[in-house]
Amino acid sequence: MRHRGETSFVRFQGTANYITSPALEDAVNVSLALGRPLLLKGEPGTGKTLLASSVADALAMPLIRWHIKSTTIAADGLYVYDTVQRLHDSRFGDADVSDIRRYIKLGPLGRSFASDEQVVLLIDEVDKADIEFPNDLLNELDTMEFTVTETGDEIRAKHRPFVVITSNNEKELPDAFLRRCVFHYIEFPDAGLMRRIVAVHHPDLASKVIDQCMDVFYKLRSLNGIRKKPSTSELIDWIAALKRSGMDLKRLKKGIPFAGTLLKQEQDLDLIAGGLF
């Protein structure tokens, strides 16, 4: 655990529920040591978002999540001035509407700065926002401070948050933004790592059954013409569906039950229905 005033560096080594590769652990620890945001890319379902909560658990830090949408602007992460509530109070309430601070609501980035302890800040799917969004964050991520325009209050980070930023490669990110990040691409797990991940989520599953399920899973991913390859999270869900159904897993040799848990495109389901699997 990290305590206030400590200068020693605490290393992240994964958790019991989140299996990491040595390369990912190195990326996290370099980012922690340098105080730089960690930018994660990789296929959907490879655990980019879950990494932030795992780091928070491992290092005993609170987690603040900022899920980015197409309409999100960088200023939302700092604070919001609730003019609608102030107008409502001025007409119908008995609150002191002259105190503007009552209507300033800190956003996820603002709360991470104002926290009395170091936090993990997850900026999830940064590439969903407008192309200028990452650049609009640069100054605050560098200086770890900002000013509330309406009150003149300055918010300075008491502790530099550990920032985890995820991207699904929907948009190219600006070079100036990339220069300020530690970058890591989460490779899709090989069979050995995948077996360890499955065992964490389904510890009661027999080894031969895991082999069967993984054989089906990797064959699907290598199928020619498949549009959306099944991900790690979909494999975990598929195995859970098989277990809860009470099905004799020998039936896996005769088809793929609950295929819609693994495949999410009509064309992909047509591929296996047509006997290509």
Protein backbone atom coordinates (compact mmCIF):
# COMPACT_ATOMS: atom_id res chain seq x y z
CA MET A 1 0.00 0.00 0.00
CA ARG A 2 1.17 3.55 -0.72
CA HIS A 3 1.02 6.03 2.18
CA ARG A 4 1.21 9.80 2.04
CA GLY A 5 4.75 11.03 2.11
CA GLU A 6 6.30 7.82 0.87
CA THR A 7 8.83 8.13 -1.91
CA SER A 8 9.48 4.43 -2.50
CA PHE A 9 8.13 3.04 -5.74
CA VAL A 10 5.40 0.42 -5.53
CA ARG A 11 5.43 -2.08 -8.39
CA PHE A 12 2.34 -3.46 -10.06
CA GLN A 13 2.45 -7.21 -10.64
CA GLY A 14 -1.12 -7.99 -11.59
CA THR A 15 -3.78 -9.35 -9.27
CA ALA A 16 -5.38 -12.69 -8.57
CA ASN A 17 -8.25 -11.74 -10.87
CA TYR A 18 -6.29 -9.98 -13.62
CA ILE A 19 -3.56 -11.96 -15.35
CA THR A 20 -0.91 -9.77 -16.97
CA SER A 21 2.05 -10.27 -19.28
CA PRO A 22 5.52 -9.08 -18.24
CA ALA A 23 5.39 -6.43 -20.98
CA LEU A 24 2.13 -4.98 -19.65
CA GLU A 25 3.46 -4.95 -16.09
CA ASP A 26 6.55 -3.09 -17.31
CA ALA A 27 4.39 -0.51 -19.11
CA VAL A 28 2.33 0.12 -15.97
CA ASN A 29 5.39 0.46 -13.77
CA VAL A 30 7.20 2.78 -16.19
CA SER A 31 4.10 4.98 -16.34
CA LEU A 32 3.87 5.03 -12.55
CA ALA A 33 7.56 5.87 -12.20
CA LEU A 34 7.50 8.67 -14.77
CA GLY A 35 4.13 10.10 -13.75
CA ARG A 36 2.98 9.84 -17.38
CA PRO A 37 -0.45 8.68 -18.59
CA LEU A 38 -0.56 5.08 -19.80
CA LEU A 39 -2.18 4.80 -23.24
CA LEU A 40 -3.54 1.32 -23.97
CA LYS A 41 -4.62 -0.04 -27.32
CA GLY A 42 -5.65 -3.54 -28.33
CA GLU A 43 -8.57 -5.58 -29.56
CA PRO A 44 -11.87 -5.04 -27.73
CA GLY A 45 -12.16 -7.52 -24.91
CA THR A 46 -8.45 -7.77 -24.12
CA GLY A 47 -8.79 -6.14 -20.70
CA LYS A 48 -7.83 -2.52 -21.36
CA THR A 49 -10.56 -1.08 -19.18
CA LEU A 50 -10.18 -3.72 -16.47
CA LEU A 51 -6.51 -2.88 -16.06
CA ALA A 52 -7.35 0.42 -14.35
CA SER A 53 -9.46 -1.25 -11.66
CA SER A 54 -6.80 -3.93 -11.20
CA VAL A 55 -4.09 -1.32 -10.63
CA ALA A 56 -6.38 0.47 -8.19
CA ASP A 57 -7.00 -2.76 -6.28
CA ALA A 58 -3.34 -3.80 -6.27
CA LEU A 59 -2.04 -0.42 -5.09
CA ALA A 60 -4.99 0.40 -2.79
CA MET A 61 -5.96 3.54 -4.69
CA PRO A 62 -9.50 4.82 -5.35
CA LEU A 63 -10.65 4.52 -8.97
CA ILE A 64 -12.34 7.36 -10.85
CA ARG A 65 -13.87 6.48 -14.22
CA TRP A 66 -14.42 8.87 -17.12
CA HIS A 67 -16.26 7.10 -19.95
CA ILE A 68 -15.88 9.14 -23.14
CA LYS A 69 -18.75 9.64 -25.60
CA SER A 70 -18.91 11.32 -28.99
CA THR A 71 -20.35 14.43 -27.31
CA THR A 72 -17.75 14.62 -24.51
CA ILE A 73 -15.57 17.74 -24.35
CA ALA A 74 -12.41 18.09 -22.30
CA ALA A 75 -13.91 20.80 -20.09
CA ASP A 76 -16.47 18.27 -18.82
CA GLY A 77 -13.64 16.43 -17.12
CA LEU A 78 -12.62 19.51 -15.13
CA TYR A 79 -15.92 20.90 -13.88
CA VAL A 80 -19.46 21.79 -14.88
CA TYR A 81 -21.24 25.02 -13.95
CA ASP A 82 -24.85 23.99 -13.33
CA THR A 83 -26.65 27.06 -14.62
CA VAL A 84 -29.94 25.17 -14.91
CA GLN A 85 -30.00 24.32 -11.19
CA ARG A 86 -29.06 27.90 -10.31
CA LEU A 87 -31.92 29.24 -12.44
CA HIS A 88 -34.30 26.74 -10.83
CA ASP A 89 -33.20 27.79 -7.33
CA SER A 90 -33.56 31.46 -8.16
CA ARG A 91 -37.17 30.93 -9.23
CA PHE A 92 -38.43 28.25 -6.87
CA GLY A 93 -35.90 27.67 -4.11
CA ASP A 94 -34.56 29.45 -1.06
CA ALA A 95 -30.88 28.73 -1.75
CA ASP A 96 -28.32 31.52 -1.90
CA VAL A 97 -27.88 31.73 -5.67
CA SER A 98 -25.23 34.42 -5.26
CA ASP A 99 -22.81 31.70 -4.09
CA ILE A 100 -21.72 30.36 -7.46
CA ARG A 101 -19.54 27.71 -5.84
CA ARG A 102 -22.72 25.83 -4.90
CA TYR A 103 -23.23 25.16 -8.61
CA ILE A 104 -19.71 24.10 -9.57
CA LYS A 105 -19.53 20.31 -9.92
CA LEU A 106 -16.09 18.82 -10.41
CA GLY A 107 -15.72 16.33 -13.25
CA PRO A 108 -13.64 13.13 -13.14
CA LEU A 109 -10.34 14.90 -13.86
CA GLY A 110 -11.17 17.65 -11.39
CA ARG A 111 -12.04 15.12 -8.67
CA SER A 112 -8.78 13.26 -9.26
CA PHE A 113 -6.87 16.53 -8.71
CA ALA A 114 -8.86 17.48 -5.61
CA SER A 115 -8.58 14.05 -3.96
CA ASP A 116 -6.70 13.88 -0.67
CA GLU A 117 -5.05 10.65 -1.83
CA GLN A 118 -3.56 9.42 -5.07
CA VAL A 119 -6.16 7.90 -7.36
CA VAL A 120 -6.29 5.92 -10.58
CA LEU A 121 -8.11 7.90 -13.28
CA LEU A 122 -9.51 5.88 -16.19
CA ILE A 123 -10.18 7.85 -19.38
CA ASP A 124 -12.01 5.15 -21.31
CA GLU A 125 -12.23 5.07 -25.12
CA VAL A 126 -10.61 8.45 -25.71
CA ASP A 127 -10.94 7.99 -29.48
CA LYS A 128 -14.75 8.25 -29.34
CA ALA A 129 -14.57 12.00 -28.78
CA ASP A 130 -13.81 14.75 -31.27
CA ILE A 131 -10.28 14.74 -32.72
CA GLU A 132 -9.41 17.87 -30.69
CA PHE A 133 -10.38 16.26 -27.38
CA PRO A 134 -6.96 14.72 -26.57
CA ASN A 135 -5.13 17.98 -27.35
CA ASP A 136 -7.55 19.89 -25.12
CA LEU A 137 -6.39 17.76 -22.18
CA LEU A 138 -2.67 18.40 -22.68
CA ASN A 139 -2.21 21.44 -20.48
CA GLU A 140 -4.10 20.04 -17.50
CA LEU A 141 -2.39 16.65 -17.74
CA ASP A 142 0.99 18.40 -17.83
CA THR A 143 0.48 21.00 -15.10
CA MET A 144 -2.02 19.03 -12.95
CA GLU A 145 -3.98 22.19 -12.23
CA PHE A 146 -6.75 24.36 -13.64
CA THR A 147 -8.77 27.46 -12.78
CA VAL A 148 -12.54 27.60 -12.32
CA THR A 149 -13.36 30.58 -14.52
CA GLU A 150 -16.59 31.52 -12.73
CA THR A 151 -14.99 31.77 -9.27
CA GLY A 152 -11.28 32.18 -9.91
CA ASP A 153 -10.57 29.16 -7.71
CA GLU A 154 -7.41 27.24 -8.60
CA ILE A 155 -7.56 23.46 -8.34
CA ARG A 156 -4.11 21.89 -7.99
CA ALA A 157 -3.45 18.17 -7.75
CA LYS A 158 -2.41 17.18 -4.23
CA HIS A 159 -1.16 13.90 -5.69
CA ARG A 160 -0.54 13.20 -9.36
CA PRO A 161 -3.17 10.64 -10.40
CA PHE A 162 -2.16 7.52 -12.27
CA VAL A 163 -3.95 8.05 -15.59
CA VAL A 164 -4.97 5.09 -17.74
CA ILE A 165 -6.27 6.00 -21.21
CA THR A 166 -7.83 3.39 -23.51
CA SER A 167 -8.33 3.58 -27.26
CA ASN A 168 -9.94 1.22 -29.76
CA ASN A 169 -8.16 2.87 -32.71
CA GLU A 170 -11.33 4.45 -34.06
CA LYS A 171 -9.39 7.67 -34.67
CA GLU A 172 -5.73 8.59 -34.93
CA LEU A 173 -4.54 10.42 -31.83
CA PRO A 174 -2.50 13.65 -32.16
CA ASP A 175 1.29 13.37 -31.99
CA ALA A 176 1.52 15.98 -29.24
CA PHE A 177 -0.77 13.84 -27.10
CA LEU A 178 1.10 10.63 -27.88
CA ARG A 179 4.42 12.19 -26.88
CA ARG A 180 3.14 12.69 -23.34
CA CYS A 181 2.03 9.09 -22.86
CA VAL A 182 3.62 5.74 -22.17
CA PHE A 183 2.15 3.48 -24.87
CA HIS A 184 1.35 -0.21 -24.72
CA TYR A 185 -0.49 -2.43 -27.18
CA ILE A 186 -2.13 -5.38 -25.43
CA GLU A 187 -1.47 -8.35 -27.68
CA PHE A 188 -4.19 -10.96 -27.92
CA PRO A 189 -3.38 -13.71 -25.38
CA ASP A 190 -1.67 -16.83 -26.67
CA ALA A 191 -3.01 -20.22 -25.62
CA GLY A 192 -0.86 -20.42 -22.50
CA LEU A 193 -1.91 -17.04 -21.16
CA MET A 194 -5.52 -17.62 -22.18
CA ARG A 195 -5.58 -20.86 -20.20
CA ARG A 196 -4.51 -18.94 -17.09
CA ILE A 197 -7.19 -16.30 -17.69
CA VAL A 198 -9.91 -18.92 -18.13
CA ALA A 199 -8.77 -20.71 -14.97
CA VAL A 200 -9.18 -17.50 -12.97
CA HIS A 201 -12.80 -17.10 -14.06
CA HIS A 202 -13.69 -20.81 -14.12
CA PRO A 203 -11.43 -22.51 -11.55
CA ASP A 204 -13.70 -25.57 -11.33
CA LEU A 205 -13.41 -26.41 -15.02
CA ALA A 206 -11.58 -29.63 -15.90
CA SER A 207 -8.42 -29.31 -17.97
CA LYS A 208 -9.81 -31.36 -20.87
CA VAL A 209 -12.92 -29.16 -21.02
CA ILE A 210 -10.77 -26.01 -21.13
CA ASP A 211 -8.82 -27.57 -23.99
CA GLN A 212 -12.05 -28.27 -25.90
CA CYS A 213 -13.40 -24.77 -25.41
CA MET A 214 -10.15 -23.10 -26.34
CA ASP A 215 -9.83 -25.29 -29.43
CA VAL A 216 -13.25 -24.11 -30.67
CA PHE A 217 -12.43 -20.51 -29.74
CA TYR A 218 -9.09 -20.28 -31.57
CA LYS A 219 -10.47 -22.10 -34.61
CA LEU A 220 -13.22 -19.50 -34.83
CA ARG A 221 -10.69 -16.67 -34.59
CA SER A 222 -8.66 -18.18 -37.46
CA LEU A 223 -11.69 -18.79 -39.67
CA ASN A 224 -11.30 -17.23 -43.12
CA GLY A 225 -13.86 -14.51 -43.73
CA ILE A 226 -14.82 -13.88 -40.11
CA ARG A 227 -15.70 -10.23 -39.58
CA LYS A 228 -15.50 -9.91 -35.80
CA LYS A 229 -13.23 -12.32 -34.02
CA PRO A 230 -14.48 -13.44 -30.60
CA SER A 231 -12.64 -11.80 -27.70
CA THR A 232 -11.42 -12.96 -24.33
CA SER A 233 -14.50 -11.67 -22.54
CA GLU A 234 -16.74 -13.52 -25.00
CA LEU A 235 -14.88 -16.77 -24.37
CA ILE A 236 -15.41 -16.34 -20.62
CA ASP A 237 -19.13 -15.66 -21.17
CA TRP A 238 -19.48 -18.63 -23.53
CA ILE A 239 -17.98 -21.04 -21.03
CA ALA A 240 -20.30 -19.63 -18.34
CA ALA A 241 -23.29 -20.23 -20.63
CA LEU A 242 -22.19 -23.81 -21.28
CA LYS A 243 -21.80 -24.49 -17.56
CA ARG A 244 -25.12 -22.96 -16.57
CA SER A 245 -26.98 -24.89 -19.26
CA GLY A 246 -25.91 -28.19 -17.74
CA MET A 247 -24.97 -29.35 -21.22
CA ASP A 248 -22.79 -32.38 -21.82
CA LEU A 249 -19.68 -30.68 -23.16
CA LYS A 250 -19.05 -33.62 -25.49
CA ARG A 251 -21.61 -31.93 -27.75
CA LEU A 252 -18.95 -29.38 -28.62
CA LYS A 253 -17.65 -31.93 -31.12
CA LYS A 254 -20.94 -31.71 -33.01
CA GLY A 255 -21.32 -27.96 -33.27
CA ILE A 256 -21.11 -24.70 -31.37
CA PRO A 257 -23.97 -24.30 -28.89
CA PHE A 258 -24.85 -20.73 -27.92
CA ALA A 259 -22.78 -19.45 -30.84
CA GLY A 260 -24.29 -16.00 -30.42
CA THR A 261 -22.29 -15.64 -27.22
CA LEU A 262 -19.08 -15.86 -29.24
CA LEU A 263 -20.08 -14.36 -32.59
CA LYS A 264 -21.84 -11.02 -32.90
CA GLN A 265 -22.24 -10.62 -36.67
CA GLU A 266 -24.93 -12.28 -38.78
CA GLN A 267 -22.37 -13.02 -41.50
CA ASP A 268 -20.13 -14.82 -38.99
CA LEU A 269 -23.00 -16.98 -37.75
CA ASP A 270 -23.78 -17.78 -41.40
CA LEU A 271 -20.18 -18.97 -41.87
CA ILE A 272 -20.45 -21.66 -39.24
CA ALA A 273 -24.03 -22.51 -40.22
CA GLY A 274 -22.76 -23.13 -43.74
CA GLY A 275 -20.39 -25.81 -42.53
CA LEU A 276 -17.17 -23.82 -42.80
CA PHE A 277 -16.27 -24.59 -39.20
